[in-house]
């Protein structure tokens, strides 16, 4: 009888379950991605190890490979997650070209390209990605070249196609140089801090308030190289006559 009582008591009394935590489970997959993005931005691809990423993310070493595979696959995944920023610039470009015949088309095209970059750099969530992309352009690696071909070159060709519509008399080569000059100016604006020293503290590095001035500067460079040369006035010709 006693054994029967004990058996029935044990069946009737379920084992206590641990209390459910009110804290959400950490997203370790996302933590790895964010840690890698920051480290690649600060040090460059080859100066970062999987162990560095795991340590910064606060996860076991094996989880990096479990979630993302090899280091180059994790690097590639960072660009994939920011694909919407490229899609935004392409959508803005399409809107600009719908009114390409109206005055100011060049400035609107440049704004469509530059404005999202400045906003991304100013956003804490996108700053490391912007720094990583700038570093890779300044010191490219095999991995960054692959990312450029897959993610950035299609967007660059779309902008070059649009510029070809605005300047049909110019060669693709001329337009490609202008695009690269623009990219250099924008990336320098976003990444360089020397302007603070040169201005003796008057200027703020990457100042969003200077975006309009940046676009004005780039547009002037485009026009200097792409616009047809101004015709010599009759008055100047008269001076040259014997």
C-alpha atoms as a PDB file:
ATOM      1  CA  UNK A   1       0.000   0.000   0.000  1.00  0.00           C
ATOM      2  CA  UNK A   2       2.801   2.369   0.852  1.00  0.00           C
ATOM      3  CA  UNK A   3       4.552   1.677  -2.472  1.00  0.00           C
ATOM      4  CA  UNK A   4       1.328   2.265  -4.336  1.00  0.00           C
ATOM      5  CA  UNK A   5       0.835   5.589  -2.566  1.00  0.00           C
ATOM      6  CA  UNK A   6       4.359   6.730  -3.339  1.00  0.00           C
ATOM      7  CA  UNK A   7       4.013   5.704  -6.980  1.00  0.00           C
ATOM      8  CA  UNK A   8       0.749   7.600  -7.379  1.00  0.00           C
ATOM      9  CA  UNK A   9       2.190  10.652  -5.639  1.00  0.00           C
ATOM     10  CA  UNK A  10       5.188  10.736  -7.972  1.00  0.00           C
ATOM     11  CA  UNK A  11       2.964  10.470 -11.016  1.00  0.00           C
ATOM     12  CA  UNK A  12       0.643  13.183  -9.854  1.00  0.00           C
ATOM     13  CA  UNK A  13       3.375  15.687  -9.014  1.00  0.00           C
ATOM     14  CA  UNK A  14       5.077  16.948 -12.231  1.00  0.00           C
ATOM     15  CA  UNK A  15       8.664  18.084 -12.084  1.00  0.00           C
ATOM     16  CA  UNK A  16       9.036  21.827 -11.564  1.00  0.00           C
ATOM     17  CA  UNK A  17       9.991  23.678 -14.771  1.00  0.00           C
ATOM     18  CA  UNK A  18      12.502  26.534 -14.757  1.00  0.00           C
ATOM     19  CA  UNK A  19      10.865  29.930 -14.724  1.00  0.00           C
ATOM     20  CA  UNK A  20      10.606  31.532 -18.148  1.00  0.00           C
ATOM     21  CA  UNK A  21      12.988  34.464 -18.507  1.00  0.00           C
ATOM     22  CA  UNK A  22      11.511  37.823 -19.332  1.00  0.00           C
ATOM     23  CA  UNK A  23      14.709  38.703 -21.207  1.00  0.00           C
ATOM     24  CA  UNK A  24      14.674  37.878 -24.934  1.00  0.00           C
ATOM     25  CA  UNK A  25      17.236  35.351 -26.101  1.00  0.00           C
ATOM     26  CA  UNK A  26      20.287  37.082 -27.601  1.00  0.00           C
ATOM     27  CA  UNK A  27      20.437  37.003 -31.378  1.00  0.00           C
ATOM     28  CA  UNK A  28      23.896  35.526 -31.675  1.00  0.00           C
ATOM     29  CA  UNK A  29      23.725  35.287 -35.451  1.00  0.00           C
ATOM     30  CA  UNK A  30      23.113  39.036 -35.715  1.00  0.00           C
ATOM     31  CA  UNK A  31      25.745  39.766 -33.065  1.00  0.00           C
ATOM     32  CA  UNK A  32      28.353  37.959 -35.168  1.00  0.00           C
ATOM     33  CA  UNK A  33      27.407  39.931 -38.274  1.00  0.00           C
ATOM     34  CA  UNK A  34      27.569  43.288 -36.482  1.00  0.00           C
ATOM     35  CA  UNK A  35      30.877  42.453 -34.800  1.00  0.00           C
ATOM     36  CA  UNK A  36      32.404  41.436 -38.134  1.00  0.00           C
ATOM     37  CA  UNK A  37      31.163  44.598 -39.814  1.00  0.00           C
ATOM     38  CA  UNK A  38      32.735  46.800 -37.145  1.00  0.00           C
ATOM     39  CA  UNK A  39      36.049  44.956 -37.119  1.00  0.00           C
ATOM     40  CA  UNK A  40      36.342  44.910 -40.920  1.00  0.00           C
ATOM     41  CA  UNK A  41      35.627  48.660 -40.921  1.00  0.00           C
ATOM     42  CA  UNK A  42      38.244  49.415 -38.296  1.00  0.00           C
ATOM     43  CA  UNK A  43      41.032  47.023 -39.297  1.00  0.00           C
ATOM     44  CA  UNK A  44      40.418  45.757 -42.806  1.00  0.00           C
ATOM     45  CA  UNK A  45      39.584  42.272 -44.003  1.00  0.00           C
ATOM     46  CA  UNK A  46      42.974  40.591 -43.607  1.00  0.00           C
ATOM     47  CA  UNK A  47      43.654  42.029 -40.141  1.00  0.00           C
ATOM     48  CA  UNK A  48      40.569  40.359 -38.660  1.00  0.00           C
ATOM     49  CA  UNK A  49      40.387  36.689 -37.657  1.00  0.00           C
ATOM     50  CA  UNK A  50      37.394  34.489 -36.935  1.00  0.00           C
ATOM     51  CA  UNK A  51      38.576  34.385 -33.317  1.00  0.00           C
ATOM     52  CA  UNK A  52      38.494  38.199 -33.206  1.00  0.00           C
ATOM     53  CA  UNK A  53      34.921  38.202 -34.483  1.00  0.00           C
ATOM     54  CA  UNK A  54      33.778  35.546 -32.008  1.00  0.00           C
ATOM     55  CA  UNK A  55      35.375  37.438 -29.124  1.00  0.00           C
ATOM     56  CA  UNK A  56      33.795  40.749 -30.129  1.00  0.00           C
ATOM     57  CA  UNK A  57      30.395  39.087 -30.558  1.00  0.00           C
ATOM     58  CA  UNK A  58      30.681  37.231 -27.244  1.00  0.00           C
ATOM     59  CA  UNK A  59      30.004  33.817 -28.773  1.00  0.00           C
ATOM     60  CA  UNK A  60      31.902  30.523 -28.994  1.00  0.00           C
ATOM     61  CA  UNK A  61      34.326  30.317 -31.881  1.00  0.00           C
ATOM     62  CA  UNK A  62      32.453  27.469 -33.589  1.00  0.00           C
ATOM     63  CA  UNK A  63      29.255  29.499 -33.866  1.00  0.00           C
ATOM     64  CA  UNK A  64      30.778  31.897 -36.406  1.00  0.00           C
ATOM     65  CA  UNK A  65      31.235  29.096 -38.894  1.00  0.00           C
ATOM     66  CA  UNK A  66      27.953  27.466 -37.920  1.00  0.00           C
ATOM     67  CA  UNK A  67      25.934  30.570 -38.760  1.00  0.00           C
ATOM     68  CA  UNK A  68      27.986  32.172 -41.548  1.00  0.00           C
ATOM     69  CA  UNK A  69      30.548  29.707 -42.899  1.00  0.00           C
ATOM     70  CA  UNK A  70      34.064  30.860 -43.787  1.00  0.00           C
ATOM     71  CA  UNK A  71      35.303  34.397 -43.224  1.00  0.00           C
ATOM     72  CA  UNK A  72      34.869  35.407 -46.863  1.00  0.00           C
ATOM     73  CA  UNK A  73      31.246  34.202 -46.736  1.00  0.00           C
ATOM     74  CA  UNK A  74      30.576  36.329 -43.655  1.00  0.00           C
ATOM     75  CA  UNK A  75      32.184  39.308 -45.382  1.00  0.00           C
ATOM     76  CA  UNK A  76      29.966  38.755 -48.422  1.00  0.00           C
ATOM     77  CA  UNK A  77      26.878  38.503 -46.204  1.00  0.00           C
ATOM     78  CA  UNK A  78      27.471  42.003 -44.839  1.00  0.00           C
ATOM     79  CA  UNK A  79      27.050  43.464 -48.322  1.00  0.00           C
ATOM     80  CA  UNK A  80      23.961  41.350 -48.892  1.00  0.00           C
ATOM     81  CA  UNK A  81      22.287  42.796 -45.806  1.00  0.00           C
ATOM     82  CA  UNK A  82      22.870  46.331 -47.094  1.00  0.00           C
ATOM     83  CA  UNK A  83      21.506  45.645 -50.571  1.00  0.00           C
ATOM     84  CA  UNK A  84      18.409  47.792 -49.782  1.00  0.00           C
ATOM     85  CA  UNK A  85      20.621  50.903 -49.639  1.00  0.00           C
ATOM     86  CA  UNK A  86      21.724  50.227 -53.228  1.00  0.00           C
ATOM     87  CA  UNK A  87      18.142  49.574 -54.262  1.00  0.00           C
ATOM     88  CA  UNK A  88      17.178  52.950 -52.794  1.00  0.00           C
ATOM     89  CA  UNK A  89      19.738  54.767 -54.925  1.00  0.00           C
ATOM     90  CA  UNK A  90      18.555  52.935 -58.031  1.00  0.00           C
ATOM     91  CA  UNK A  91      14.926  53.846 -57.284  1.00  0.00           C
ATOM     92  CA  UNK A  92      15.874  57.478 -56.803  1.00  0.00           C
ATOM     93  CA  UNK A  93      17.831  57.420 -60.038  1.00  0.00           C
ATOM     94  CA  UNK A  94      14.787  56.097 -61.891  1.00  0.00           C
ATOM     95  CA  UNK A  95      12.684  58.939 -60.487  1.00  0.00           C
ATOM     96  CA  UNK A  96      15.275  61.492 -61.600  1.00  0.00           C
ATOM     97  CA  UNK A  97      15.427  60.164 -65.134  1.00  0.00           C
ATOM     98  CA  UNK A  98      11.641  60.406 -65.439  1.00  0.00           C
ATOM     99  CA  UNK A  99      12.176  64.190 -65.518  1.00  0.00           C
ATOM    100  CA  UNK A 100      15.581  64.202 -67.227  1.00  0.00           C
ATOM    101  CA  UNK A 101      14.480  66.888 -69.706  1.00  0.00           C
ATOM    102  CA  UNK A 102      13.829  69.409 -66.946  1.00  0.00           C
ATOM    103  CA  UNK A 103      16.521  71.850 -65.711  1.00  0.00           C
ATOM    104  CA  UNK A 104      18.783  70.670 -62.905  1.00  0.00           C
ATOM    105  CA  UNK A 105      18.794  67.013 -63.938  1.00  0.00           C
ATOM    106  CA  UNK A 106      22.528  66.626 -63.247  1.00  0.00           C
ATOM    107  CA  UNK A 107      22.216  67.970 -59.697  1.00  0.00           C
ATOM    108  CA  UNK A 108      19.241  65.717 -59.038  1.00  0.00           C
ATOM    109  CA  UNK A 109      21.140  62.708 -60.355  1.00  0.00           C
ATOM    110  CA  UNK A 110      24.118  63.489 -58.114  1.00  0.00           C
ATOM    111  CA  UNK A 111      21.821  64.016 -55.141  1.00  0.00           C
ATOM    112  CA  UNK A 112      20.199  60.626 -55.765  1.00  0.00           C
ATOM    113  CA  UNK A 113      23.634  59.041 -55.503  1.00  0.00           C
ATOM    114  CA  UNK A 114      25.205  61.105 -52.711  1.00  0.00           C
ATOM    115  CA  UNK A 115      22.289  61.744 -50.347  1.00  0.00           C
ATOM    116  CA  UNK A 116      21.812  58.092 -49.263  1.00  0.00           C
ATOM    117  CA  UNK A 117      25.552  57.748 -48.657  1.00  0.00           C
ATOM    118  CA  UNK A 118      25.671  60.805 -46.403  1.00  0.00           C
ATOM    119  CA  UNK A 119      22.576  59.614 -44.535  1.00  0.00           C
ATOM    120  CA  UNK A 120      24.044  56.128 -44.135  1.00  0.00           C
ATOM    121  CA  UNK A 121      27.278  57.517 -42.718  1.00  0.00           C
ATOM    122  CA  UNK A 122      25.386  59.728 -40.265  1.00  0.00           C
ATOM    123  CA  UNK A 123      23.266  56.804 -39.043  1.00  0.00           C
ATOM    124  CA  UNK A 124      24.977  54.825 -36.242  1.00  0.00           C
ATOM    125  CA  UNK A 125      23.509  51.629 -37.695  1.00  0.00           C
ATOM    126  CA  UNK A 126      25.184  52.204 -41.057  1.00  0.00           C
ATOM    127  CA  UNK A 127      28.394  53.972 -40.105  1.00  0.00           C
ATOM    128  CA  UNK A 128      30.567  50.860 -39.900  1.00  0.00           C
ATOM    129  CA  UNK A 129      29.305  49.597 -43.247  1.00  0.00           C
ATOM    130  CA  UNK A 130      30.062  52.966 -44.854  1.00  0.00           C
ATOM    131  CA  UNK A 131      33.560  52.947 -43.321  1.00  0.00           C
ATOM    132  CA  UNK A 132      34.123  49.375 -44.475  1.00  0.00           C
ATOM    133  CA  UNK A 133      33.151  50.212 -48.056  1.00  0.00           C
ATOM    134  CA  UNK A 134      35.372  53.315 -48.038  1.00  0.00           C
ATOM    135  CA  UNK A 135      38.332  51.344 -46.678  1.00  0.00           C
ATOM    136  CA  UNK A 136      37.890  48.640 -49.303  1.00  0.00           C
ATOM    137  CA  UNK A 137      37.892  51.194 -52.112  1.00  0.00           C
ATOM    138  CA  UNK A 138      41.038  52.858 -50.781  1.00  0.00           C
ATOM    139  CA  UNK A 139      42.848  49.544 -50.203  1.00  0.00           C
ATOM    140  CA  UNK A 140      41.041  46.865 -52.241  1.00  0.00           C
ATOM    141  CA  UNK A 141      41.420  43.162 -51.609  1.00  0.00           C
ATOM    142  CA  UNK A 142      40.384  40.143 -53.656  1.00  0.00           C
ATOM    143  CA  UNK A 143      37.272  39.866 -51.486  1.00  0.00           C
ATOM    144  CA  UNK A 144      36.341  43.541 -51.833  1.00  0.00           C
ATOM    145  CA  UNK A 145      36.782  43.384 -55.603  1.00  0.00           C
ATOM    146  CA  UNK A 146      34.357  40.474 -55.738  1.00  0.00           C
ATOM    147  CA  UNK A 147      31.855  42.466 -53.679  1.00  0.00           C
ATOM    148  CA  UNK A 148      32.316  45.484 -55.951  1.00  0.00           C
ATOM    149  CA  UNK A 149      31.639  43.432 -59.066  1.00  0.00           C
ATOM    150  CA  UNK A 150      28.502  41.855 -57.606  1.00  0.00           C
ATOM    151  CA  UNK A 151      26.942  44.704 -55.632  1.00  0.00           C
ATOM    152  CA  UNK A 152      28.361  48.059 -56.735  1.00  0.00           C
ATOM    153  CA  UNK A 153      29.221  47.704 -60.417  1.00  0.00           C
ATOM    154  CA  UNK A 154      25.593  47.146 -61.530  1.00  0.00           C
ATOM    155  CA  UNK A 155      24.603  50.356 -59.730  1.00  0.00           C
ATOM    156  CA  UNK A 156      27.556  52.224 -61.233  1.00  0.00           C
ATOM    157  CA  UNK A 157      26.567  51.098 -64.729  1.00  0.00           C
ATOM    158  CA  UNK A 158      23.000  52.284 -64.102  1.00  0.00           C
ATOM    159  CA  UNK A 159      24.263  55.751 -63.184  1.00  0.00           C
ATOM    160  CA  UNK A 160      26.624  55.779 -66.151  1.00  0.00           C
ATOM    161  CA  UNK A 161      23.727  54.844 -68.437  1.00  0.00           C
ATOM    162  CA  UNK A 162      21.782  57.775 -67.011  1.00  0.00           C
ATOM    163  CA  UNK A 163      24.712  60.130 -67.517  1.00  0.00           C
ATOM    164  CA  UNK A 164      24.942  58.887 -71.100  1.00  0.00           C
ATOM    165  CA  UNK A 165      21.379  60.108 -71.608  1.00  0.00           C
ATOM    166  CA  UNK A 166      22.291  63.527 -70.237  1.00  0.00           C
ATOM    167  CA  UNK A 167      25.537  63.697 -72.245  1.00  0.00           C
ATOM    168  CA  UNK A 168      25.022  61.569 -75.366  1.00  0.00           C
ATOM    169  CA  UNK A 169      27.917  63.283 -77.119  1.00  0.00           C
ATOM    170  CA  UNK A 170      30.420  61.991 -74.565  1.00  0.00           C
ATOM    171  CA  UNK A 171      32.112  58.602 -74.564  1.00  0.00           C
ATOM    172  CA  UNK A 172      31.610  55.971 -71.895  1.00  0.00           C
ATOM    173  CA  UNK A 173      35.222  56.482 -70.926  1.00  0.00           C
ATOM    174  CA  UNK A 174      34.708  60.193 -70.210  1.00  0.00           C
ATOM    175  CA  UNK A 175      31.684  59.421 -68.070  1.00  0.00           C
ATOM    176  CA  UNK A 176      33.505  56.659 -66.183  1.00  0.00           C
ATOM    177  CA  UNK A 177      36.284  59.075 -65.221  1.00  0.00           C
ATOM    178  CA  UNK A 178      33.735  61.574 -63.952  1.00  0.00           C
ATOM    179  CA  UNK A 179      32.008  58.863 -61.934  1.00  0.00           C
ATOM    180  CA  UNK A 180      35.293  57.822 -60.330  1.00  0.00           C
ATOM    181  CA  UNK A 181      36.270  61.430 -59.581  1.00  0.00           C
ATOM    182  CA  UNK A 182      32.875  61.912 -57.928  1.00  0.00           C
ATOM    183  CA  UNK A 183      33.267  58.737 -55.896  1.00  0.00           C
ATOM    184  CA  UNK A 184      36.683  59.845 -54.676  1.00  0.00           C
ATOM    185  CA  UNK A 185      35.361  63.218 -53.560  1.00  0.00           C
ATOM    186  CA  UNK A 186      32.382  61.679 -51.751  1.00  0.00           C
ATOM    187  CA  UNK A 187      34.394  59.002 -49.963  1.00  0.00           C
ATOM    188  CA  UNK A 188      37.007  61.549 -48.907  1.00  0.00           C
ATOM    189  CA  UNK A 189      34.257  63.795 -47.579  1.00  0.00           C
ATOM    190  CA  UNK A 190      32.820  60.917 -45.538  1.00  0.00           C
ATOM    191  CA  UNK A 191      36.021  59.376 -44.195  1.00  0.00           C
ATOM    192  CA  UNK A 192      38.652  62.106 -43.802  1.00  0.00           C
ATOM    193  CA  UNK A 193      39.006  64.186 -40.619  1.00  0.00           C
ATOM    194  CA  UNK A 194      41.927  66.352 -41.709  1.00  0.00           C
ATOM    195  CA  UNK A 195      39.588  69.192 -42.680  1.00  0.00           C
ATOM    196  CA  UNK A 196      39.089  69.889 -38.976  1.00  0.00           C
ATOM    197  CA  UNK A 197      42.810  70.562 -38.528  1.00  0.00           C
ATOM    198  CA  UNK A 198      43.202  72.500 -41.760  1.00  0.00           C
ATOM    199  CA  UNK A 199      40.265  74.748 -40.890  1.00  0.00           C
ATOM    200  CA  UNK A 200      41.610  75.111 -37.327  1.00  0.00           C
ATOM    201  CA  UNK A 201      38.423  73.701 -35.926  1.00  0.00           C
ATOM    202  CA  UNK A 202      36.048  75.757 -38.051  1.00  0.00           C
ATOM    203  CA  UNK A 203      34.861  72.758 -40.079  1.00  0.00           C
ATOM    204  CA  UNK A 204      33.364  69.498 -38.889  1.00  0.00           C
ATOM    205  CA  UNK A 205      34.394  66.308 -40.660  1.00  0.00           C
ATOM    206  CA  UNK A 206      31.618  64.657 -42.677  1.00  0.00           C
ATOM    207  CA  UNK A 207      29.326  67.579 -41.881  1.00  0.00           C
ATOM    208  CA  UNK A 208      25.897  66.788 -43.414  1.00  0.00           C
ATOM    209  CA  UNK A 209      25.266  70.530 -43.667  1.00  0.00           C
ATOM    210  CA  UNK A 210      27.967  70.658 -46.375  1.00  0.00           C
ATOM    211  CA  UNK A 211      26.238  68.138 -48.623  1.00  0.00           C
ATOM    212  CA  UNK A 212      24.788  70.822 -50.904  1.00  0.00           C
ATOM    213  CA  UNK A 213      28.249  72.319 -51.306  1.00  0.00           C
ATOM    214  CA  UNK A 214      29.671  68.883 -52.124  1.00  0.00           C
ATOM    215  CA  UNK A 215      27.047  68.332 -54.825  1.00  0.00           C
ATOM    216  CA  UNK A 216      27.692  71.810 -56.228  1.00  0.00           C
ATOM    217  CA  UNK A 217      31.427  71.050 -56.389  1.00  0.00           C
ATOM    218  CA  UNK A 218      30.929  67.680 -58.110  1.00  0.00           C
ATOM    219  CA  UNK A 219      28.410  69.094 -60.582  1.00  0.00           C
ATOM    220  CA  UNK A 220      30.846  71.848 -61.555  1.00  0.00           C
ATOM    221  CA  UNK A 221      33.518  69.237 -62.217  1.00  0.00           C
ATOM    222  CA  UNK A 222      31.155  67.193 -64.376  1.00  0.00           C
ATOM    223  CA  UNK A 223      30.210  70.231 -66.428  1.00  0.00           C
ATOM    224  CA  UNK A 224      33.816  71.345 -66.831  1.00  0.00           C
ATOM    225  CA  UNK A 225      34.672  67.989 -68.393  1.00  0.00           C
ATOM    226  CA  UNK A 226      31.451  67.082 -70.190  1.00  0.00           C
ATOM    227  CA  UNK A 227      29.869  70.300 -71.427  1.00  0.00           C
ATOM    228  CA  UNK A 228      30.889  71.388 -74.932  1.00  0.00           C
ATOM    229  CA  UNK A 229      33.529  74.115 -74.883  1.00  0.00           C
ATOM    230  CA  UNK A 230      32.135  77.624 -74.923  1.00  0.00           C
ATOM    231  CA  UNK A 231      32.250  79.355 -78.279  1.00  0.00           C
ATOM    232  CA  UNK A 232      34.655  82.207 -78.661  1.00  0.00           C
ATOM    233  CA  UNK A 233      32.785  85.480 -78.695  1.00  0.00           C
ATOM    234  CA  UNK A 234      32.875  87.740 -81.688  1.00  0.00           C
ATOM    235  CA  UNK A 235      34.624  90.343 -79.594  1.00  0.00           C
ATOM    236  CA  UNK A 236      37.497  87.986 -78.788  1.00  0.00           C
ATOM    237  CA  UNK A 237      37.782  87.029 -82.441  1.00  0.00           C
ATOM    238  CA  UNK A 238      37.940  90.664 -83.427  1.00  0.00           C
ATOM    239  CA  UNK A 239      40.884  91.218 -81.099  1.00  0.00           C
ATOM    240  CA  UNK A 240      42.803  88.448 -82.789  1.00  0.00           C
ATOM    241  CA  UNK A 241      42.396  89.896 -86.277  1.00  0.00           C
ATOM    242  CA  UNK A 242      45.446  91.715 -87.645  1.00  0.00           C
END
